């Protein structure tokens, strides 16, 4: 992690580029974490995850993640928490766009960076944007916190997959057993039998073709 003492030892120009580069680098890790969270909720990884997230803009990833969390995270407290984190990540994305697309120089009034930001929505505005080392470190710490907490989705999804399996209807092979009135209303546990079948199927070695 960056330290203020180490940054103060750099000359102003080197410190300027170090601060801007660090902010952009840590944000890139956050964006990667968003992609990981999307993959966890969707249940995809590797090349499939990369293909899904590679060509999505950051804002699109946030919107997609929020929708998926709302649909697939059963624990509503956790869903609300992850949604709040996604909103915070989007706010970081707004700052990232300013930093990435604004000219800057070593500040003459602080130990950080002066940005020459400009807004031209309905009126031309030139906001005063001077970030000291402390401001940079605060933003970076916030980005890391969001990234770390969003990655907790990964630890939640195995339980989620089990819950989905427990609620899944049985396949055709077990449907007659579940509908047998002599079993005394076992249909609500249909997913449980399906889960056991899935585990057994995974453990059975593949048979030779034609064997």
Protein backbone atom coordinates (compact mmCIF):
# COMPACT_ATOMS: atom_id res chain seq x y z
CA UNK A 1 0.00 0.00 0.00
CA UNK A 2 1.14 3.54 -0.69
CA UNK A 3 2.43 5.57 2.23
CA UNK A 4 2.40 9.32 2.60
CA UNK A 5 5.96 9.38 3.92
CA UNK A 6 7.29 7.53 0.87
CA UNK A 7 5.36 9.80 -1.50
CA UNK A 8 6.70 12.93 0.18
CA UNK A 9 10.24 11.76 -0.55
CA UNK A 10 9.55 11.95 -4.30
CA UNK A 11 10.05 15.17 -6.24
CA UNK A 12 6.73 16.92 -7.08
CA UNK A 13 6.60 15.79 -10.71
CA UNK A 14 7.33 12.14 -9.92
CA UNK A 15 4.86 12.26 -7.03
CA UNK A 16 2.18 13.66 -9.36
CA UNK A 17 2.45 10.78 -11.82
CA UNK A 18 2.74 8.25 -9.01
CA UNK A 19 -0.49 9.46 -7.41
CA UNK A 20 -2.46 9.54 -10.65
CA UNK A 21 -1.06 6.15 -11.71
CA UNK A 22 -1.87 4.61 -8.33
CA UNK A 23 -5.46 5.85 -8.46
CA UNK A 24 -5.94 4.46 -11.96
CA UNK A 25 -4.26 1.17 -11.06
CA UNK A 26 -6.37 0.52 -7.98
CA UNK A 27 -9.52 1.45 -9.87
CA UNK A 28 -8.56 -1.12 -12.52
CA UNK A 29 -8.44 -3.74 -9.76
CA UNK A 30 -11.92 -2.67 -8.67
CA UNK A 31 -13.20 -3.04 -12.22
CA UNK A 32 -11.64 -6.51 -12.35
CA UNK A 33 -13.42 -7.31 -9.08
CA UNK A 34 -16.73 -6.21 -10.63
CA UNK A 35 -16.10 -8.70 -13.44
CA UNK A 36 -15.36 -11.42 -10.89
CA UNK A 37 -18.58 -10.62 -9.01
CA UNK A 38 -20.57 -10.81 -12.26
CA UNK A 39 -19.04 -14.19 -13.02
CA UNK A 40 -19.81 -15.51 -9.55
CA UNK A 41 -23.47 -14.53 -9.70
CA UNK A 42 -23.81 -15.94 -13.22
CA UNK A 43 -21.87 -19.08 -12.31
CA UNK A 44 -19.31 -18.67 -15.10
CA UNK A 45 -15.54 -18.35 -15.03
CA UNK A 46 -12.45 -18.48 -17.21
CA UNK A 47 -12.91 -17.61 -20.88
CA UNK A 48 -16.69 -17.32 -20.58
CA UNK A 49 -16.39 -14.74 -17.81
CA UNK A 50 -13.81 -12.78 -19.80
CA UNK A 51 -15.99 -12.78 -22.92
CA UNK A 52 -19.04 -11.57 -21.00
CA UNK A 53 -17.26 -8.71 -19.21
CA UNK A 54 -14.51 -7.70 -21.64
CA UNK A 55 -16.62 -5.56 -23.96
CA UNK A 56 -18.87 -3.99 -21.34
CA UNK A 57 -18.35 -0.40 -20.23
CA UNK A 58 -17.88 0.03 -16.48
CA UNK A 59 -21.32 1.61 -16.03
CA UNK A 60 -22.90 -1.31 -17.91
CA UNK A 61 -21.12 -3.77 -15.60
CA UNK A 62 -22.51 -1.94 -12.57
CA UNK A 63 -26.07 -1.94 -13.93
CA UNK A 64 -25.83 -5.62 -14.83
CA UNK A 65 -24.37 -6.54 -11.43
CA UNK A 66 -27.13 -4.68 -9.58
CA UNK A 67 -29.80 -6.46 -11.61
CA UNK A 68 -28.23 -9.89 -11.10
CA UNK A 69 -27.78 -9.33 -7.37
CA UNK A 70 -31.44 -8.36 -7.07
CA UNK A 71 -32.53 -11.48 -8.94
CA UNK A 72 -30.17 -14.13 -7.63
CA UNK A 73 -29.00 -13.21 -4.11
CA UNK A 74 -31.74 -14.70 -1.93
CA UNK A 75 -30.57 -13.10 1.31
CA UNK A 76 -32.13 -9.64 0.98
CA UNK A 77 -29.82 -8.10 3.58
CA UNK A 78 -26.79 -9.23 1.60
CA UNK A 79 -28.43 -8.20 -1.66
CA UNK A 80 -28.98 -4.69 -0.29
CA UNK A 81 -25.38 -4.54 0.92
CA UNK A 82 -23.95 -5.61 -2.45
CA UNK A 83 -26.25 -3.17 -4.26
CA UNK A 84 -25.01 -0.32 -2.08
CA UNK A 85 -21.42 -1.31 -2.84
CA UNK A 86 -22.20 -1.34 -6.56
CA UNK A 87 -23.59 2.20 -6.32
CA UNK A 88 -20.45 3.33 -4.50
CA UNK A 89 -18.32 1.67 -7.19
CA UNK A 90 -20.22 3.62 -9.84
CA UNK A 91 -19.43 6.87 -8.00
CA UNK A 92 -15.76 5.89 -8.05
CA UNK A 93 -16.14 5.35 -11.79
CA UNK A 94 -17.27 8.96 -12.21
CA UNK A 95 -14.11 10.15 -10.44
CA UNK A 96 -12.00 7.76 -12.51
CA UNK A 97 -13.34 9.30 -15.73
CA UNK A 98 -12.39 12.78 -14.52
CA UNK A 99 -8.88 11.67 -13.57
CA UNK A 100 -8.41 9.71 -16.79
CA UNK A 101 -9.58 12.46 -19.15
CA UNK A 102 -8.33 15.62 -17.47
CA UNK A 103 -4.97 17.28 -17.84
CA UNK A 104 -3.03 17.78 -14.61
CA UNK A 105 0.21 19.01 -13.06
CA UNK A 106 1.98 19.10 -9.73
CA UNK A 107 0.00 21.34 -7.41
CA UNK A 108 1.40 24.67 -6.38
CA UNK A 109 -0.81 24.85 -3.28
CA UNK A 110 -0.70 21.28 -1.90
CA UNK A 111 1.56 18.24 -1.86
CA UNK A 112 -0.60 16.57 -4.51
CA UNK A 113 -2.05 17.19 -7.96
CA UNK A 114 -3.96 20.01 -9.63
CA UNK A 115 -6.50 18.90 -12.25
CA UNK A 116 -7.79 21.20 -14.96
CA UNK A 117 -11.30 19.80 -14.92
CA UNK A 118 -14.06 21.26 -17.07
CA UNK A 119 -17.80 20.66 -17.20
CA UNK A 120 -19.96 21.71 -20.15
CA UNK A 121 -23.40 20.19 -19.63
CA UNK A 122 -25.66 23.24 -19.81
CA UNK A 123 -23.11 25.79 -18.63
CA UNK A 124 -19.35 25.91 -18.83
CA UNK A 125 -17.85 25.23 -15.41
CA UNK A 126 -14.23 24.95 -14.32
CA UNK A 127 -14.34 23.41 -10.85
CA UNK A 128 -11.43 23.79 -8.49
CA UNK A 129 -9.95 20.29 -8.26
CA UNK A 130 -6.76 19.97 -6.26
CA UNK A 131 -6.11 16.61 -4.59
CA UNK A 132 -3.52 16.41 -1.85
CA UNK A 133 -1.74 13.15 -0.99
CA UNK A 134 -4.29 12.60 1.79
CA UNK A 135 -7.21 12.98 -0.64
CA UNK A 136 -5.65 10.49 -3.06
CA UNK A 137 -4.98 7.98 -0.29
CA UNK A 138 -8.55 8.39 0.97
CA UNK A 139 -10.02 7.69 -2.48
CA UNK A 140 -7.72 4.69 -2.97
CA UNK A 141 -8.62 3.26 0.44
CA UNK A 142 -12.32 3.64 -0.41
CA UNK A 143 -11.81 1.88 -3.76
CA UNK A 144 -9.99 -0.99 -2.03
CA UNK A 145 -12.73 -1.33 0.58
CA UNK A 146 -15.44 -1.58 -2.09
CA UNK A 147 -13.34 -4.06 -4.08
CA UNK A 148 -12.70 -6.30 -1.05
CA UNK A 149 -16.34 -6.32 0.05
CA UNK A 150 -17.69 -6.99 -3.44
CA UNK A 151 -15.35 -9.96 -3.74
CA UNK A 152 -17.20 -11.49 -0.75
CA UNK A 153 -19.89 -12.42 -3.27
CA UNK A 154 -17.58 -15.30 -4.17
CA UNK A 155 -17.89 -16.77 -0.66
CA UNK A 156 -21.67 -16.41 -0.72
CA UNK A 157 -22.37 -18.10 -4.06
CA UNK A 158 -21.52 -21.74 -3.11
CA UNK A 159 -24.34 -21.60 -0.53
CA UNK A 160 -26.49 -19.93 -3.16
CA UNK A 161 -25.88 -22.77 -5.62
CA UNK A 162 -26.84 -25.33 -2.97
CA UNK A 163 -30.04 -23.42 -2.22
CA UNK A 164 -30.88 -23.36 -5.92
CA UNK A 165 -30.28 -27.11 -6.17
CA UNK A 166 -32.48 -27.79 -3.16
CA UNK A 167 -35.36 -25.91 -4.76
CA UNK A 168 -34.94 -27.42 -8.21
CA UNK A 169 -37.65 -29.76 -9.47
CA UNK A 170 -36.58 -33.38 -9.90
CA UNK A 171 -35.82 -34.69 -13.34
CA UNK A 172 -38.05 -37.13 -15.21
CA UNK A 173 -36.35 -40.19 -13.68
CA UNK A 174 -37.39 -39.23 -10.17
CA UNK A 175 -40.75 -37.58 -10.93
CA UNK A 176 -42.79 -40.77 -10.39
CA UNK A 177 -41.21 -41.31 -7.00
CA UNK A 178 -41.98 -37.77 -5.90
CA UNK A 179 -45.61 -37.98 -7.02
CA UNK A 180 -46.26 -41.32 -5.27
CA UNK A 181 -48.98 -40.55 -2.65
CA UNK A 182 -47.63 -43.33 -0.42
CA UNK A 183 -44.51 -41.25 0.25
CA UNK A 184 -46.51 -38.72 2.25
CA UNK A 185 -45.93 -35.37 0.53
CA UNK A 186 -42.22 -35.47 -0.23
CA UNK A 187 -42.59 -33.19 -3.23
CA UNK A 188 -41.28 -30.10 -1.40
CA UNK A 189 -38.00 -32.00 -0.96
CA UNK A 190 -37.77 -32.77 -4.66
CA UNK A 191 -34.76 -30.54 -5.03
CA UNK A 192 -32.98 -32.36 -2.21
CA UNK A 193 -33.30 -35.68 -4.06
CA UNK A 194 -32.15 -33.93 -7.22
CA UNK A 195 -29.12 -32.58 -5.40
CA UNK A 196 -28.18 -36.06 -4.19
CA UNK A 197 -28.60 -37.45 -7.69
CA UNK A 198 -26.34 -34.73 -9.08
CA UNK A 199 -23.63 -35.58 -6.54
CA UNK A 200 -23.86 -39.29 -7.36
CA UNK A 201 -23.74 -38.61 -11.08
CA UNK A 202 -20.62 -36.51 -10.64
CA UNK A 203 -18.92 -39.31 -8.74
CA UNK A 204 -19.70 -42.02 -11.29
CA UNK A 205 -16.78 -42.57 -13.69
CA UNK A 206 -17.62 -42.20 -17.38
CA UNK A 207 -18.31 -45.48 -19.14
CA UNK A 208 -16.55 -46.51 -22.34
CA UNK A 209 -18.63 -45.89 -25.45
CA UNK A 210 -20.53 -48.99 -26.36
CA UNK A 211 -19.67 -50.65 -23.02
